[in-house]
Amino acid sequence: MFPLISEHGDTTPMWFGVPITMSTSNNPTIDSLRVHIDRIDEQIHDLLMARASLVERIGSLKSDANLALRPGREAEILRKLSDRHMGIFPKSAIIRIWREILGSLTNIQRPLVIAIAQGGAGAGFIELVRDHFGTTPNVKPIASAGQVVKLVADDEAPIGVLPLPGLSPDGNEAWWAPLTAENAPKIILRLPFYPYERTDPVEGLVVAKRMHDETGNDRTFLVIETSAASSIDRTRALLTKAGFAPTGQPVSTRLGDLVLHLIEVEGWVAQTDPRLSALVRDQVTHATVVGGYPVPLSA
């Protein structure tokens, strides 16, 4: 399987770039196969060290520290690996290995402090974060979802991980409402990106002070501000009429005579999308993009 031509152009049988002699390939012994495994391990290690060196150089060229966070780029890498993977090695293990690599190398570019709105989620929420960002970042559990958003907004933590809207540890706290401010954090990722089998499954959203990436398979969160007289069903109907495809379960919070509706729509949407300005009429007063995420992999 996977024969390769050597860089010198000869046809020596290769296994991932490791030459296999005919005597070994025709009548291998356990010891000879272990020699090849050791050589492959060394090649993997060499490639990881080379990748880390390249990432370090890329990090030195980035003027904005938040550019170290590339959830869209990472999603594309994992999707490609998932599509090309074959053989008996479990795909879930491949994704976990690459998540550790990507998390560790991101931490090289910028040491990560990840604020988690843990609340009543227990160890499951910390495990959710470790599954995605790896073991090297500094994880900081916080009781309040609103406090996590403030820590990210004040640059005290580059990343915040929050419960899905409507599932806040503080009841129905609308932690997402402050994301409508111009310089506020935005949603960039949904966790888990890969559905590992876990005894305490939880889900969450990641916020950072940057916009979400476009990958070709995305979801976007909109906050639609309406008068109190406008229902969520009418708001969804207006979105559909404007050309959006609402998905998921919307949530709302009331602010005096106004209501904010958080609605997820299919696709990647920018704040400059003309469909948003077309929405602002009748009972809709504002329509704001508060981030989005690349659609996670399925098992």
Protein backbone atom coordinates (compact mmCIF):
# COMPACT_ATOMS: atom_id res chain seq x y z
CA MET A 1 0.00 0.00 0.00
CA PHE A 2 0.98 3.62 -0.64
CA PRO A 3 4.12 2.88 -2.75
CA LEU A 4 6.17 5.98 -3.51
CA ILE A 5 8.94 6.76 -5.97
CA SER A 6 12.10 7.91 -4.22
CA GLU A 7 13.42 11.43 -4.76
CA HIS A 8 16.24 9.93 -6.85
CA GLY A 9 13.77 8.50 -9.35
CA ASP A 10 14.40 4.82 -8.64
CA THR A 11 11.64 2.30 -7.99
CA THR A 12 12.75 0.99 -4.60
CA PRO A 13 9.54 0.03 -2.76
CA MET A 14 8.70 2.78 -0.28
CA TRP A 15 6.35 2.99 2.67
CA PHE A 16 5.69 6.67 3.39
CA GLY A 17 9.18 7.51 2.14
CA VAL A 18 10.93 4.69 4.00
CA PRO A 19 12.78 2.27 1.65
CA ILE A 20 11.79 -1.37 2.06
CA THR A 21 14.27 -3.97 0.80
CA MET A 22 12.95 -6.92 -1.19
CA SER A 23 14.19 -9.42 1.40
CA THR A 24 12.29 -7.54 4.10
CA SER A 25 9.13 -6.99 2.09
CA ASN A 26 9.00 -10.62 0.84
CA ASN A 27 9.80 -12.30 4.12
CA PRO A 28 9.63 -9.76 6.95
CA THR A 29 10.49 -10.56 10.52
CA ILE A 30 9.20 -8.83 13.63
CA ASP A 31 12.61 -7.27 14.23
CA SER A 32 12.91 -5.95 10.67
CA LEU A 33 9.41 -4.46 10.83
CA ARG A 34 10.24 -2.80 14.14
CA VAL A 35 13.31 -1.23 12.53
CA HIS A 36 11.02 0.34 9.92
CA ILE A 37 8.62 1.50 12.63
CA ASP A 38 11.50 3.19 14.45
CA ARG A 39 12.56 4.94 11.24
CA ILE A 40 9.00 6.10 10.59
CA ASP A 41 8.77 7.43 14.16
CA GLU A 42 11.93 9.44 13.59
CA GLN A 43 10.56 10.83 10.31
CA ILE A 44 7.28 11.82 12.00
CA HIS A 45 9.24 13.51 14.77
CA ASP A 46 11.48 15.33 12.28
CA LEU A 47 8.43 16.58 10.37
CA LEU A 48 6.75 17.81 13.55
CA MET A 49 9.86 19.76 14.53
CA ALA A 50 10.06 21.20 11.00
CA ARG A 51 6.38 22.18 11.13
CA ALA A 52 6.90 23.90 14.48
CA SER A 53 9.82 25.88 13.05
CA LEU A 54 7.69 27.07 10.12
CA VAL A 55 4.83 28.04 12.43
CA GLU A 56 7.25 30.03 14.58
CA ARG A 57 8.41 31.93 11.48
CA ILE A 58 4.81 32.59 10.42
CA GLY A 59 4.03 33.88 13.91
CA SER A 60 6.90 36.37 13.69
CA LEU A 61 5.32 37.84 10.53
CA LYS A 62 1.92 38.46 12.12
CA SER A 63 1.42 41.94 13.52
CA ASP A 64 -1.94 41.14 15.15
CA ALA A 65 -1.71 38.51 17.88
CA ASN A 66 -5.30 37.42 17.20
CA LEU A 67 -4.19 36.23 13.75
CA ALA A 68 -2.66 33.23 15.52
CA LEU A 69 -6.23 31.98 15.91
CA ARG A 70 -7.25 30.44 12.59
CA PRO A 71 -10.26 28.20 13.23
CA GLY A 72 -11.23 28.28 9.56
CA ARG A 73 -7.78 27.22 8.38
CA GLU A 74 -7.71 24.46 11.01
CA ALA A 75 -11.16 23.27 9.96
CA GLU A 76 -9.99 23.01 6.36
CA ILE A 77 -6.94 20.98 7.46
CA LEU A 78 -9.06 18.56 9.48
CA ARG A 79 -11.67 18.19 6.74
CA LYS A 80 -8.95 17.36 4.23
CA LEU A 81 -7.39 14.79 6.59
CA SER A 82 -10.79 13.27 7.23
CA ASP A 83 -11.52 12.96 3.50
CA ARG A 84 -8.16 11.38 2.60
CA HIS A 85 -7.87 9.05 5.58
CA MET A 86 -7.94 5.30 4.94
CA GLY A 87 -6.78 2.12 6.62
CA ILE A 88 -7.32 0.66 10.07
CA PHE A 89 -6.05 3.59 12.12
CA PRO A 90 -9.16 5.22 13.72
CA LYS A 91 -10.15 8.54 12.20
CA SER A 92 -11.03 9.85 15.66
CA ALA A 93 -7.42 9.26 16.72
CA ILE A 94 -6.10 11.12 13.65
CA ILE A 95 -8.31 14.12 14.47
CA ARG A 96 -7.25 14.06 18.13
CA ILE A 97 -3.55 13.91 17.19
CA TRP A 98 -3.88 16.85 14.80
CA ARG A 99 -5.91 18.83 17.30
CA GLU A 100 -3.03 18.44 19.78
CA ILE A 101 -0.56 19.51 17.08
CA LEU A 102 -2.61 22.52 16.00
CA GLY A 103 -3.36 23.62 19.55
CA SER A 104 0.27 23.34 20.62
CA LEU A 105 1.55 25.23 17.58
CA THR A 106 -1.02 28.01 18.03
CA ASN A 107 0.22 28.30 21.60
CA ILE A 108 3.76 28.74 20.23
CA GLN A 109 2.65 31.77 18.19
CA ARG A 110 0.79 33.24 21.14
CA PRO A 111 0.53 31.71 24.61
CA LEU A 112 -3.16 31.00 25.08
CA VAL A 113 -5.27 31.67 28.14
CA ILE A 114 -8.68 30.11 27.64
CA ALA A 115 -11.44 31.40 29.91
CA ILE A 116 -14.20 28.83 30.35
CA ALA A 117 -17.71 29.57 31.57
CA GLN A 118 -17.73 26.29 33.41
CA GLY A 119 -20.62 26.85 35.79
CA GLY A 120 -22.37 23.57 36.49
CA ALA A 121 -20.84 21.73 33.54
CA GLY A 122 -18.16 20.16 35.73
CA ALA A 123 -15.09 18.49 34.29
CA GLY A 124 -16.90 17.86 30.99
CA PHE A 125 -16.41 21.46 29.86
CA ILE A 126 -12.69 21.40 30.61
CA GLU A 127 -12.41 18.11 28.72
CA LEU A 128 -14.26 19.67 25.78
CA VAL A 129 -11.67 22.47 25.63
CA ARG A 130 -8.71 20.09 26.01
CA ASP A 131 -10.06 17.93 23.19
CA HIS A 132 -9.85 20.90 20.83
CA PHE A 133 -7.04 23.15 22.03
CA GLY A 134 -4.76 20.45 23.42
CA THR A 135 -2.89 20.21 26.70
CA THR A 136 -0.53 23.20 26.39
CA PRO A 137 -2.86 26.26 26.75
CA ASN A 138 -3.69 27.65 30.20
CA VAL A 139 -7.33 26.87 31.01
CA LYS A 140 -9.08 29.24 33.42
CA PRO A 141 -12.55 28.18 34.69
CA ILE A 142 -14.93 31.10 35.31
CA ALA A 143 -18.35 30.85 36.96
CA SER A 144 -20.12 33.54 34.88
CA ALA A 145 -20.57 33.50 31.11
CA GLY A 146 -20.82 37.29 31.11
CA GLN A 147 -17.50 37.53 32.94
CA VAL A 148 -15.84 35.36 30.27
CA VAL A 149 -17.03 37.75 27.54
CA LYS A 150 -15.67 40.70 29.56
CA LEU A 151 -12.26 39.01 30.04
CA VAL A 152 -11.95 38.53 26.28
CA ALA A 153 -13.21 42.06 25.57
CA ASP A 154 -10.60 43.48 27.99
CA ASP A 155 -7.78 41.40 26.40
CA GLU A 156 -7.26 39.46 29.64
CA ALA A 157 -7.92 36.20 27.78
CA PRO A 158 -7.61 35.77 23.99
CA ILE A 159 -10.21 32.99 23.94
CA GLY A 160 -13.47 32.43 25.79
CA VAL A 161 -15.54 29.26 25.73
CA LEU A 162 -19.22 29.62 26.55
CA PRO A 163 -22.29 27.40 26.75
CA LEU A 164 -24.70 27.29 23.85
CA PRO A 165 -27.19 30.18 24.02
CA GLY A 166 -30.05 29.32 26.33
CA LEU A 167 -27.90 26.83 28.25
CA SER A 168 -25.89 29.29 30.34
CA PRO A 169 -24.81 28.23 33.85
CA ASP A 170 -26.49 31.46 34.97
CA GLY A 171 -29.88 30.33 33.73
CA ASN A 172 -31.00 32.24 30.63
CA GLU A 173 -28.22 34.82 30.75
CA ALA A 174 -27.95 36.44 27.32
CA TRP A 175 -24.15 36.48 27.26
CA TRP A 176 -24.31 36.97 23.49
CA ALA A 177 -26.06 40.39 23.63
CA PRO A 178 -22.84 42.42 24.26
CA LEU A 179 -21.27 40.88 21.12
CA THR A 180 -23.23 43.41 19.03
CA ALA A 181 -20.81 46.21 20.03
CA GLU A 182 -18.34 47.18 17.30
CA ASN A 183 -15.13 46.11 19.09
CA ALA A 184 -16.68 43.29 21.09
CA PRO A 185 -15.58 39.64 20.86
CA LYS A 186 -17.25 37.53 18.18
CA ILE A 187 -18.15 33.86 17.90
CA ILE A 188 -15.52 31.99 15.85
CA LEU A 189 -16.03 28.30 16.58
CA ARG A 190 -18.44 25.65 17.79
CA LEU A 191 -17.27 22.76 19.98
CA PRO A 192 -16.85 19.89 19.68
CA PHE A 193 -15.49 20.06 16.15
CA TYR A 194 -15.34 16.26 16.08
CA PRO A 195 -17.86 14.14 18.06
CA TYR A 196 -15.58 12.06 20.27
CA GLU A 197 -17.38 9.47 22.37
CA ARG A 198 -17.44 10.95 25.87
CA THR A 199 -19.22 10.10 29.10
CA ASP A 200 -20.13 13.75 29.77
CA PRO A 201 -20.97 15.27 26.36
CA VAL A 202 -21.28 19.06 26.37
CA GLU A 203 -21.25 21.69 23.63
CA GLY A 204 -20.06 25.25 23.52
CA LEU A 205 -19.13 28.30 21.45
CA VAL A 206 -15.73 30.00 21.27
CA VAL A 207 -15.36 33.78 21.21
CA ALA A 208 -12.33 35.92 20.38
CA LYS A 209 -11.65 39.48 19.23
CA ARG A 210 -11.74 38.68 15.53
CA MET A 211 -14.37 37.76 12.94
CA HIS A 212 -15.18 34.21 11.92
CA ASP A 213 -13.43 32.70 8.91
CA GLU A 214 -15.07 31.65 5.66
CA THR A 215 -14.43 28.00 4.76
CA GLY A 216 -17.19 27.13 2.30
CA ASN A 217 -19.27 25.22 4.86
CA ASP A 218 -20.23 27.61 7.64
CA ARG A 219 -22.95 28.99 9.88
CA THR A 220 -23.37 32.62 10.97
CA PHE A 221 -25.03 34.11 14.05
CA LEU A 222 -27.13 37.24 13.61
CA VAL A 223 -28.61 39.42 16.32
CA ILE A 224 -31.82 41.03 15.08
CA GLU A 225 -33.10 43.95 17.15
CA THR A 226 -36.85 44.48 16.91
CA SER A 227 -39.64 46.26 18.70
CA ALA A 228 -41.33 44.24 21.40
CA ALA A 229 -44.36 43.86 19.13
CA SER A 230 -42.43 41.71 16.65
CA SER A 231 -42.41 37.97 17.35
CA ILE A 232 -39.56 35.56 16.70
CA ASP A 233 -41.67 33.83 14.04
CA ARG A 234 -42.14 37.11 12.17
CA THR A 235 -38.41 37.83 12.44
CA ARG A 236 -37.55 34.40 11.00
CA ALA A 237 -40.02 35.01 8.18
CA LEU A 238 -38.34 38.35 7.38
CA LEU A 239 -34.93 36.64 7.30
CA THR A 240 -36.21 33.96 4.94
CA LYS A 241 -37.77 36.60 2.68
CA ALA A 242 -34.44 38.47 2.60
CA GLY A 243 -32.68 35.33 1.35
CA PHE A 244 -31.31 33.85 4.58
CA ALA A 245 -31.82 30.27 5.70
CA PRO A 246 -32.41 30.26 9.47
CA THR A 247 -31.38 27.09 11.26
CA GLY A 248 -31.16 25.91 14.85
CA GLN A 249 -33.17 27.19 17.79
CA PRO A 250 -33.29 31.01 18.13
CA VAL A 251 -33.14 32.67 21.55
CA SER A 252 -34.32 36.09 22.61
CA THR A 253 -33.83 38.63 25.39
CA ARG A 254 -35.82 41.78 26.16
CA LEU A 255 -34.22 45.19 26.71
CA GLY A 256 -36.94 47.68 27.65
CA ASP A 257 -39.11 48.26 24.58
CA LEU A 258 -36.74 46.29 22.34
CA VAL A 259 -36.09 42.57 21.86
CA LEU A 260 -32.82 41.01 20.68
CA HIS A 261 -33.13 37.75 18.75
CA LEU A 262 -30.05 35.55 18.26
CA ILE A 263 -30.62 33.53 15.09
CA GLU A 264 -28.27 31.14 13.33
CA VAL A 265 -28.32 31.08 9.52
CA GLU A 266 -26.67 28.85 6.95
CA GLY A 267 -23.55 30.08 5.16
CA TRP A 268 -20.93 32.73 5.87
CA VAL A 269 -22.32 36.25 6.22
CA ALA A 270 -20.36 39.52 6.52
CA GLN A 271 -21.68 42.68 8.14
CA THR A 272 -21.55 44.34 4.72
CA ASP A 273 -24.03 41.86 3.24
CA PRO A 274 -26.74 43.99 1.55
CA ARG A 275 -29.43 41.62 2.78
CA LEU A 276 -28.82 42.86 6.33
CA SER A 277 -29.47 46.51 5.50
CA ALA A 278 -32.59 45.43 3.59
CA LEU A 279 -33.90 43.88 6.83
CA VAL A 280 -33.90 47.20 8.69
CA ARG A 281 -37.45 48.33 8.16
CA ASP A 282 -40.83 48.04 9.80
CA GLN A 283 -40.19 46.56 13.24
CA VAL A 284 -36.51 45.63 12.70
CA THR A 285 -34.15 48.35 13.96
CA HIS A 286 -30.72 46.64 13.69
CA ALA A 287 -29.23 43.48 12.20
CA THR A 288 -25.73 42.58 13.39
CA VAL A 289 -23.34 39.74 12.62
CA VAL A 290 -21.91 38.45 15.91
CA GLY A 291 -19.77 35.70 14.41
CA GLY A 292 -20.13 32.16 13.19
CA TYR A 293 -18.29 28.89 12.85
CA PRO A 294 -17.11 26.24 10.38
CA VAL A 295 -19.56 23.34 10.40
CA PRO A 296 -18.05 20.56 12.57
CA LEU A 297 -17.09 17.14 11.25
CA SER A 298 -19.45 14.23 11.72
CA ALA A 299 -18.33 10.82 12.92
